[in-house]
């Protein structure tokens, strides 16, 4: 597979994973707001299991979002 195709696929996965982490952090926050702490903890755990791609030199998402930090 050409290097350009690999880069495009890696960036697409990075964006997909970032979007999934963002949605799970929203679910966690809403669960906490409603008082469903167990559900919030599960959402935080799910977010922590989404792979975080390594930092890149071209401005990609490199920082991990640790949504479960608010629960400790």
PDB file of N, CA and C in Angstrom:
ATOM      1  N   UNK A   1       0.848  -1.172   0.000  1.00  0.00           N
ATOM      2  CA  UNK A   1       0.000   0.000   0.000  1.00  0.00           C
ATOM      3  C   UNK A   1       0.896   1.239   0.000  1.00  0.00           C
ATOM      4  N   UNK A   2       0.595   2.203  -0.854  1.00  0.00           N
ATOM      5  CA  UNK A   2       1.421   3.412  -0.894  1.00  0.00           C
ATOM      6  C   UNK A   2       1.390   4.171   0.436  1.00  0.00           C
ATOM      7  N   UNK A   3       2.466   4.899   0.698  1.00  0.00           N
ATOM      8  CA  UNK A   3       2.590   5.627   1.964  1.00  0.00           C
ATOM      9  C   UNK A   3       1.491   6.667   2.132  1.00  0.00           C
ATOM     10  N   UNK A   4       1.077   7.317   1.046  1.00  0.00           N
ATOM     11  CA  UNK A   4       0.026   8.340   1.131  1.00  0.00           C
ATOM     12  C   UNK A   4      -1.292   7.732   1.576  1.00  0.00           C
ATOM     13  N   UNK A   5      -1.598   6.541   1.088  1.00  0.00           N
ATOM     14  CA  UNK A   5      -2.835   5.868   1.487  1.00  0.00           C
ATOM     15  C   UNK A   5      -2.766   5.482   2.956  1.00  0.00           C
ATOM     16  N   UNK A   6      -1.617   5.015   3.406  1.00  0.00           N
ATOM     17  CA  UNK A   6      -1.437   4.686   4.823  1.00  0.00           C
ATOM     18  C   UNK A   6      -1.629   5.920   5.706  1.00  0.00           C
ATOM     19  N   UNK A   7      -1.108   7.057   5.281  1.00  0.00           N
ATOM     20  CA  UNK A   7      -1.242   8.293   6.046  1.00  0.00           C
ATOM     21  C   UNK A   7      -2.701   8.726   6.124  1.00  0.00           C
ATOM     22  N   UNK A   8      -3.414   8.646   5.011  1.00  0.00           N
ATOM     23  CA  UNK A   8      -4.832   9.019   4.991  1.00  0.00           C
ATOM     24  C   UNK A   8      -5.627   8.104   5.909  1.00  0.00           C
ATOM     25  N   UNK A   9      -5.359   6.812   5.853  1.00  0.00           N
ATOM     26  CA  UNK A   9      -6.070   5.855   6.718  1.00  0.00           C
ATOM     27  C   UNK A   9      -5.761   6.111   8.189  1.00  0.00           C
ATOM     28  N   UNK A  10      -4.515   6.417   8.512  1.00  0.00           N
ATOM     29  CA  UNK A  10      -4.134   6.707   9.895  1.00  0.00           C
ATOM     30  C   UNK A  10      -4.823   7.973  10.392  1.00  0.00           C
ATOM     31  N   UNK A  11      -4.901   8.995   9.553  1.00  0.00           N
ATOM     32  CA  UNK A  11      -5.571  10.235   9.948  1.00  0.00           C
ATOM     33  C   UNK A  11      -7.066  10.014  10.128  1.00  0.00           C
ATOM     34  N   UNK A  12      -7.678   9.200   9.274  1.00  0.00           N
ATOM     35  CA  UNK A  12      -9.101   8.900   9.401  1.00  0.00           C
ATOM     36  C   UNK A  12      -9.373   8.162  10.714  1.00  0.00           C
ATOM     37  N   UNK A  13      -8.534   7.191  11.037  1.00  0.00           N
ATOM     38  CA  UNK A  13      -8.692   6.476  12.300  1.00  0.00           C
ATOM     39  C   UNK A  13      -8.511   7.414  13.486  1.00  0.00           C
ATOM     40  N   UNK A  14      -7.558   8.327  13.375  1.00  0.00           N
ATOM     41  CA  UNK A  14      -7.303   9.290  14.446  1.00  0.00           C
ATOM     42  C   UNK A  14      -8.528  10.166  14.684  1.00  0.00           C
ATOM     43  N   UNK A  15      -9.135  10.641  13.600  1.00  0.00           N
ATOM     44  CA  UNK A  15     -10.327  11.489  13.712  1.00  0.00           C
ATOM     45  C   UNK A  15     -11.489  10.679  14.272  1.00  0.00           C
ATOM     46  N   UNK A  16     -11.667   9.447  13.799  1.00  0.00           N
ATOM     47  CA  UNK A  16     -12.744   8.591  14.304  1.00  0.00           C
ATOM     48  C   UNK A  16     -12.582   8.326  15.798  1.00  0.00           C
ATOM     49  N   UNK A  17     -11.369   8.024  16.223  1.00  0.00           N
ATOM     50  CA  UNK A  17     -11.119   7.739  17.641  1.00  0.00           C
ATOM     51  C   UNK A  17     -11.321   8.989  18.489  1.00  0.00           C
ATOM     52  N   UNK A  18     -10.882  10.130  17.977  1.00  0.00           N
ATOM     53  CA  UNK A  18     -11.074  11.381  18.723  1.00  0.00           C
ATOM     54  C   UNK A  18     -12.562  11.678  18.873  1.00  0.00           C
ATOM     55  N   UNK A  19     -13.333  11.463  17.816  1.00  0.00           N
ATOM     56  CA  UNK A  19     -14.780  11.701  17.882  1.00  0.00           C
ATOM     57  C   UNK A  19     -15.442  10.744  18.866  1.00  0.00           C
ATOM     58  N   UNK A  20     -15.014   9.506  18.869  1.00  0.00           N
ATOM     59  CA  UNK A  20     -15.576   8.526  19.796  1.00  0.00           C
ATOM     60  C   UNK A  20     -15.248   8.891  21.242  1.00  0.00           C
ATOM     61  N   UNK A  21     -14.004   9.304  21.500  1.00  0.00           N
ATOM     62  CA  UNK A  21     -13.637   9.726  22.852  1.00  0.00           C
ATOM     63  C   UNK A  21     -14.448  10.940  23.288  1.00  0.00           C
ATOM     64  N   UNK A  22     -14.670  11.878  22.357  1.00  0.00           N
ATOM     65  CA  UNK A  22     -15.457  13.067  22.675  1.00  0.00           C
ATOM     66  C   UNK A  22     -16.905  12.693  23.007  1.00  0.00           C
ATOM     67  N   UNK A  23     -17.501  11.809  22.221  1.00  0.00           N
ATOM     68  CA  UNK A  23     -18.875  11.373  22.499  1.00  0.00           C
ATOM     69  C   UNK A  23     -18.973  10.660  23.840  1.00  0.00           C
ATOM     70  N   UNK A  24     -18.003   9.811  24.135  1.00  0.00           N
ATOM     71  CA  UNK A  24     -18.032   9.099  25.412  1.00  0.00           C
ATOM     72  C   UNK A  24     -17.834  10.051  26.592  1.00  0.00           C
ATOM     73  N   UNK A  25     -17.032  11.086  26.418  1.00  0.00           N
ATOM     74  CA  UNK A  25     -16.869  12.053  27.504  1.00  0.00           C
ATOM     75  C   UNK A  25     -18.160  12.839  27.714  1.00  0.00           C
ATOM     76  N   UNK A  26     -18.889  13.110  26.639  1.00  0.00           N
ATOM     77  CA  UNK A  26     -20.195  13.764  26.763  1.00  0.00           C
ATOM     78  C   UNK A  26     -21.171  12.852  27.503  1.00  0.00           C
ATOM     79  N   UNK A  27     -21.196  11.576  27.142  1.00  0.00           N
ATOM     80  CA  UNK A  27     -22.067  10.611  27.824  1.00  0.00           C
ATOM     81  C   UNK A  27     -21.710  10.555  29.307  1.00  0.00           C
ATOM     82  N   UNK A  28     -20.429  10.519  29.606  1.00  0.00           N
ATOM     83  CA  UNK A  28     -19.988  10.498  31.006  1.00  0.00           C
ATOM     84  C   UNK A  28     -20.494  11.725  31.759  1.00  0.00           C
ATOM     85  N   UNK A  29     -20.316  12.909  31.152  1.00  0.00           N
ATOM     86  CA  UNK A  29     -20.751  14.140  31.809  1.00  0.00           C
ATOM     87  C   UNK A  29     -22.255  14.157  32.037  1.00  0.00           C
ATOM     88  N   UNK A  30     -23.016  13.698  31.059  1.00  0.00           N
ATOM     89  CA  UNK A  30     -24.474  13.674  31.210  1.00  0.00           C
ATOM     90  C   UNK A  30     -24.898  12.670  32.282  1.00  0.00           C
ATOM     91  N   UNK A  31     -24.223  11.542  32.342  1.00  0.00           N
ATOM     92  CA  UNK A  31     -24.528  10.554  33.381  1.00  0.00           C
ATOM     93  C   UNK A  31     -24.243  11.131  34.763  1.00  0.00           C
ATOM     94  N   UNK A  32     -23.125  11.820  34.894  1.00  0.00           N
ATOM     95  CA  UNK A  32     -22.796  12.449  36.168  1.00  0.00           C
ATOM     96  C   UNK A  32     -23.828  13.509  36.533  1.00  0.00           C
ATOM     97  N   UNK A  33     -24.252  14.283  35.533  1.00  0.00           N
ATOM     98  CA  UNK A  33     -25.244  15.323  35.769  1.00  0.00           C
ATOM     99  C   UNK A  33     -26.553  14.735  36.281  1.00  0.00           C
ATOM    100  N   UNK A  34     -26.911  13.553  35.779  1.00  0.00           N
ATOM    101  CA  UNK A  34     -28.161  12.902  36.183  1.00  0.00           C
ATOM    102  C   UNK A  34     -27.998  12.075  37.450  1.00  0.00           C
ATOM    103  N   UNK A  35     -26.765  11.954  37.934  1.00  0.00           N
ATOM    104  CA  UNK A  35     -26.519  11.185  39.145  1.00  0.00           C
ATOM    105  C   UNK A  35     -26.285   9.707  38.920  1.00  0.00           C
ATOM    106  N   UNK A  36     -26.079   9.305  37.682  1.00  0.00           N
ATOM    107  CA  UNK A  36     -25.828   7.899  37.354  1.00  0.00           C
ATOM    108  C   UNK A  36     -24.322   7.653  37.344  1.00  0.00           C
ATOM    109  N   UNK A  37     -23.739   7.570  38.546  1.00  0.00           N
ATOM    110  CA  UNK A  37     -22.281   7.482  38.637  1.00  0.00           C
ATOM    111  C   UNK A  37     -21.720   6.179  38.077  1.00  0.00           C
ATOM    112  N   UNK A  38     -22.435   5.080  38.237  1.00  0.00           N
ATOM    113  CA  UNK A  38     -21.941   3.808  37.669  1.00  0.00           C
ATOM    114  C   UNK A  38     -21.903   3.881  36.149  1.00  0.00           C
ATOM    115  N   UNK A  39     -22.934   4.440  35.549  1.00  0.00           N
ATOM    116  CA  UNK A  39     -22.961   4.589  34.087  1.00  0.00           C
ATOM    117  C   UNK A  39     -21.845   5.527  33.632  1.00  0.00           C
ATOM    118  N   UNK A  40     -21.617   6.589  34.394  1.00  0.00           N
ATOM    119  CA  UNK A  40     -20.532   7.519  34.056  1.00  0.00           C
ATOM    120  C   UNK A  40     -19.186   6.817  34.125  1.00  0.00           C
ATOM    121  N   UNK A  41     -19.013   5.985  35.108  1.00  0.00           N
ATOM    122  CA  UNK A  41     -17.762   5.245  35.249  1.00  0.00           C
ATOM    123  C   UNK A  41     -17.549   4.298  34.060  1.00  0.00           C
ATOM    124  N   UNK A  42     -18.619   3.665  33.607  1.00  0.00           N
ATOM    125  CA  UNK A  42     -18.522   2.776  32.438  1.00  0.00           C
ATOM    126  C   UNK A  42     -18.163   3.566  31.180  1.00  0.00           C
ATOM    127  N   UNK A  43     -18.775   4.738  31.010  1.00  0.00           N
ATOM    128  CA  UNK A  43     -18.452   5.575  29.847  1.00  0.00           C
ATOM    129  C   UNK A  43     -16.994   6.014  29.897  1.00  0.00           C
ATOM    130  N   UNK A  44     -16.511   6.365  31.089  1.00  0.00           N
ATOM    131  CA  UNK A  44     -15.110   6.765  31.238  1.00  0.00           C
ATOM    132  C   UNK A  44     -14.175   5.603  30.922  1.00  0.00           C
ATOM    133  N   UNK A  45     -14.538   4.417  31.369  1.00  0.00           N
ATOM    134  CA  UNK A  45     -13.725   3.241  31.081  1.00  0.00           C
ATOM    135  C   UNK A  45     -13.685   2.982  29.577  1.00  0.00           C
ATOM    136  N   UNK A  46     -14.846   3.080  28.933  1.00  0.00           N
ATOM    137  CA  UNK A  46     -14.892   2.877  27.480  1.00  0.00           C
ATOM    138  C   UNK A  46     -14.018   3.899  26.767  1.00  0.00           C
ATOM    139  N   UNK A  47     -14.071   5.158  27.190  1.00  0.00           N
ATOM    140  CA  UNK A  47     -13.247   6.200  26.569  1.00  0.00           C
ATOM    141  C   UNK A  47     -11.762   5.916  26.759  1.00  0.00           C
ATOM    142  N   UNK A  48     -11.408   5.369  27.919  1.00  0.00           N
ATOM    143  CA  UNK A  48      -9.992   5.088  28.170  1.00  0.00           C
ATOM    144  C   UNK A  48      -9.474   3.914  27.343  1.00  0.00           C
ATOM    145  N   UNK A  49     -10.384   3.100  26.818  1.00  0.00           N
ATOM    146  CA  UNK A  49      -9.976   1.949  26.013  1.00  0.00           C
ATOM    147  C   UNK A  49      -9.853   2.262  24.524  1.00  0.00           C
ATOM    148  N   UNK A  50     -10.330   3.428  24.106  1.00  0.00           N
ATOM    149  CA  UNK A  50     -10.209   3.823  22.698  1.00  0.00           C
ATOM    150  C   UNK A  50      -8.750   4.156  22.431  1.00  0.00           C
ATOM    151  N   UNK A  51      -8.149   3.540  21.416  1.00  0.00           N
ATOM    152  CA  UNK A  51      -6.727   3.779  21.146  1.00  0.00           C
ATOM    153  C   UNK A  51      -6.444   5.247  20.832  1.00  0.00           C
ATOM    154  N   UNK A  52      -5.326   5.734  21.341  1.00  0.00           N
ATOM    155  CA  UNK A  52      -4.872   7.090  21.055  1.00  0.00           C
ATOM    156  C   UNK A  52      -3.667   6.970  20.142  1.00  0.00           C
ATOM    157  N   UNK A  53      -3.742   7.565  18.949  1.00  0.00           N
ATOM    158  CA  UNK A  53      -2.598   7.469  18.038  1.00  0.00           C
ATOM    159  C   UNK A  53      -1.423   8.274  18.571  1.00  0.00           C
ATOM    160  N   UNK A  54      -0.219   7.887  18.192  1.00  0.00           N
ATOM    161  CA  UNK A  54       0.953   8.652  18.629  1.00  0.00           C
ATOM    162  C   UNK A  54       0.913  10.056  18.047  1.00  0.00           C
ATOM    163  N   UNK A  55       1.569  10.998  18.722  1.00  0.00           N
ATOM    164  CA  UNK A  55       1.622  12.385  18.239  1.00  0.00           C
ATOM    165  C   UNK A  55       2.338  12.425  16.902  1.00  0.00           C
ATOM    166  N   UNK A  56       1.861  13.302  16.038  1.00  0.00           N
ATOM    167  CA  UNK A  56       2.486  13.437  14.722  1.00  0.00           C
ATOM    168  C   UNK A  56       3.041  14.843  14.560  1.00  0.00           C
ATOM    169  N   UNK A  57       3.887  15.024  13.553  1.00  0.00           N
ATOM    170  CA  UNK A  57       4.505  16.320  13.307  1.00  0.00           C
ATOM    171  C   UNK A  57       3.616  17.254  12.500  1.00  0.00           C
ATOM    172  N   UNK A  58       2.493  16.745  11.973  1.00  0.00           N
ATOM    173  CA  UNK A  58       1.658  17.577  11.117  1.00  0.00           C
ATOM    174  C   UNK A  58       0.354  17.995  11.792  1.00  0.00           C
ATOM    175  N   UNK A  59       0.344  18.085  13.112  1.00  0.00           N
ATOM    176  CA  UNK A  59      -0.795  18.646  13.801  1.00  0.00           C
ATOM    177  C   UNK A  59      -1.909  17.673  14.121  1.00  0.00           C
ATOM    178  N   UNK A  60      -1.628  16.394  14.108  1.00  0.00           N
ATOM    179  CA  UNK A  60      -2.657  15.406  14.423  1.00  0.00           C
ATOM    180  C   UNK A  60      -2.963  15.372  15.903  1.00  0.00           C
ATOM    181  N   UNK A  61      -3.998  14.629  16.262  1.00  0.00           N
ATOM    182  CA  UNK A  61      -4.378  14.513  17.676  1.00  0.00           C
ATOM    183  C   UNK A  61      -3.367  13.630  18.387  1.00  0.00           C
ATOM    184  N   UNK A  62      -2.689  14.172  19.363  1.00  0.00           N
ATOM    185  CA  UNK A  62      -1.691  13.397  20.063  1.00  0.00           C
ATOM    186  C   UNK A  62      -1.946  13.282  21.552  1.00  0.00           C
ATOM    187  N   UNK A  63      -2.695  14.209  22.111  1.00  0.00           N
ATOM    188  CA  UNK A  63      -2.926  14.199  23.552  1.00  0.00           C
ATOM    189  C   UNK A  63      -4.099  13.295  23.882  1.00  0.00           C
ATOM    190  N   UNK A  64      -3.902  12.442  24.842  1.00  0.00           N
ATOM    191  CA  UNK A  64      -4.977  11.534  25.268  1.00  0.00           C
ATOM    192  C   UNK A  64      -5.970  12.280  26.146  1.00  0.00           C
ATOM    193  N   UNK A  65      -7.223  11.995  25.967  1.00  0.00           N
ATOM    194  CA  UNK A  65      -8.253  12.572  26.822  1.00  0.00           C
ATOM    195  C   UNK A  65      -8.593  11.545  27.865  1.00  0.00           C
ATOM    196  N   UNK A  66      -8.342  11.861  29.116  1.00  0.00           N
ATOM    197  CA  UNK A  66      -8.593  10.927  30.213  1.00  0.00           C
ATOM    198  C   UNK A  66      -9.871  11.355  30.910  1.00  0.00           C
ATOM    199  N   UNK A  67     -11.013  10.925  30.396  1.00  0.00           N
ATOM    200  CA  UNK A  67     -12.285  11.367  30.960  1.00  0.00           C
ATOM    201  C   UNK A  67     -12.538  10.770  32.332  1.00  0.00           C
ATOM    202  N   UNK A  68     -11.834   9.693  32.681  1.00  0.00           N
ATOM    203  CA  UNK A  68     -12.075   9.085  33.981  1.00  0.00           C
ATOM    204  C   UNK A  68     -11.360   9.826  35.112  1.00  0.00           C
ATOM    205  N   UNK A  69     -10.604  10.854  34.801  1.00  0.00           N
ATOM    206  CA  UNK A  69      -9.899  11.603  35.833  1.00  0.00           C
ATOM    207  C   UNK A  69     -10.875  12.309  36.774  1.00  0.00           C
ATOM    208  N   UNK A  70     -12.036  12.705  36.258  1.00  0.00           N
ATOM    209  CA  UNK A  70     -13.014  13.411  37.084  1.00  0.00           C
ATOM    210  C   UNK A  70     -13.662  12.495  38.116  1.00  0.00           C
ATOM    211  N   UNK A  71     -13.551  11.200  37.927  1.00  0.00           N
ATOM    212  CA  UNK A  71     -14.191  10.262  38.828  1.00  0.00           C
ATOM    213  C   UNK A  71     -13.330   9.892  40.024  1.00  0.00           C
ATOM    214  N   UNK A  72     -12.086  10.321  40.036  1.00  0.00           N
ATOM    215  CA  UNK A  72     -11.177   9.938  41.127  1.00  0.00           C
ATOM    216  C   UNK A  72     -10.980  11.044  42.113  1.00  0.00           C
TER     217      UNK A  72
END
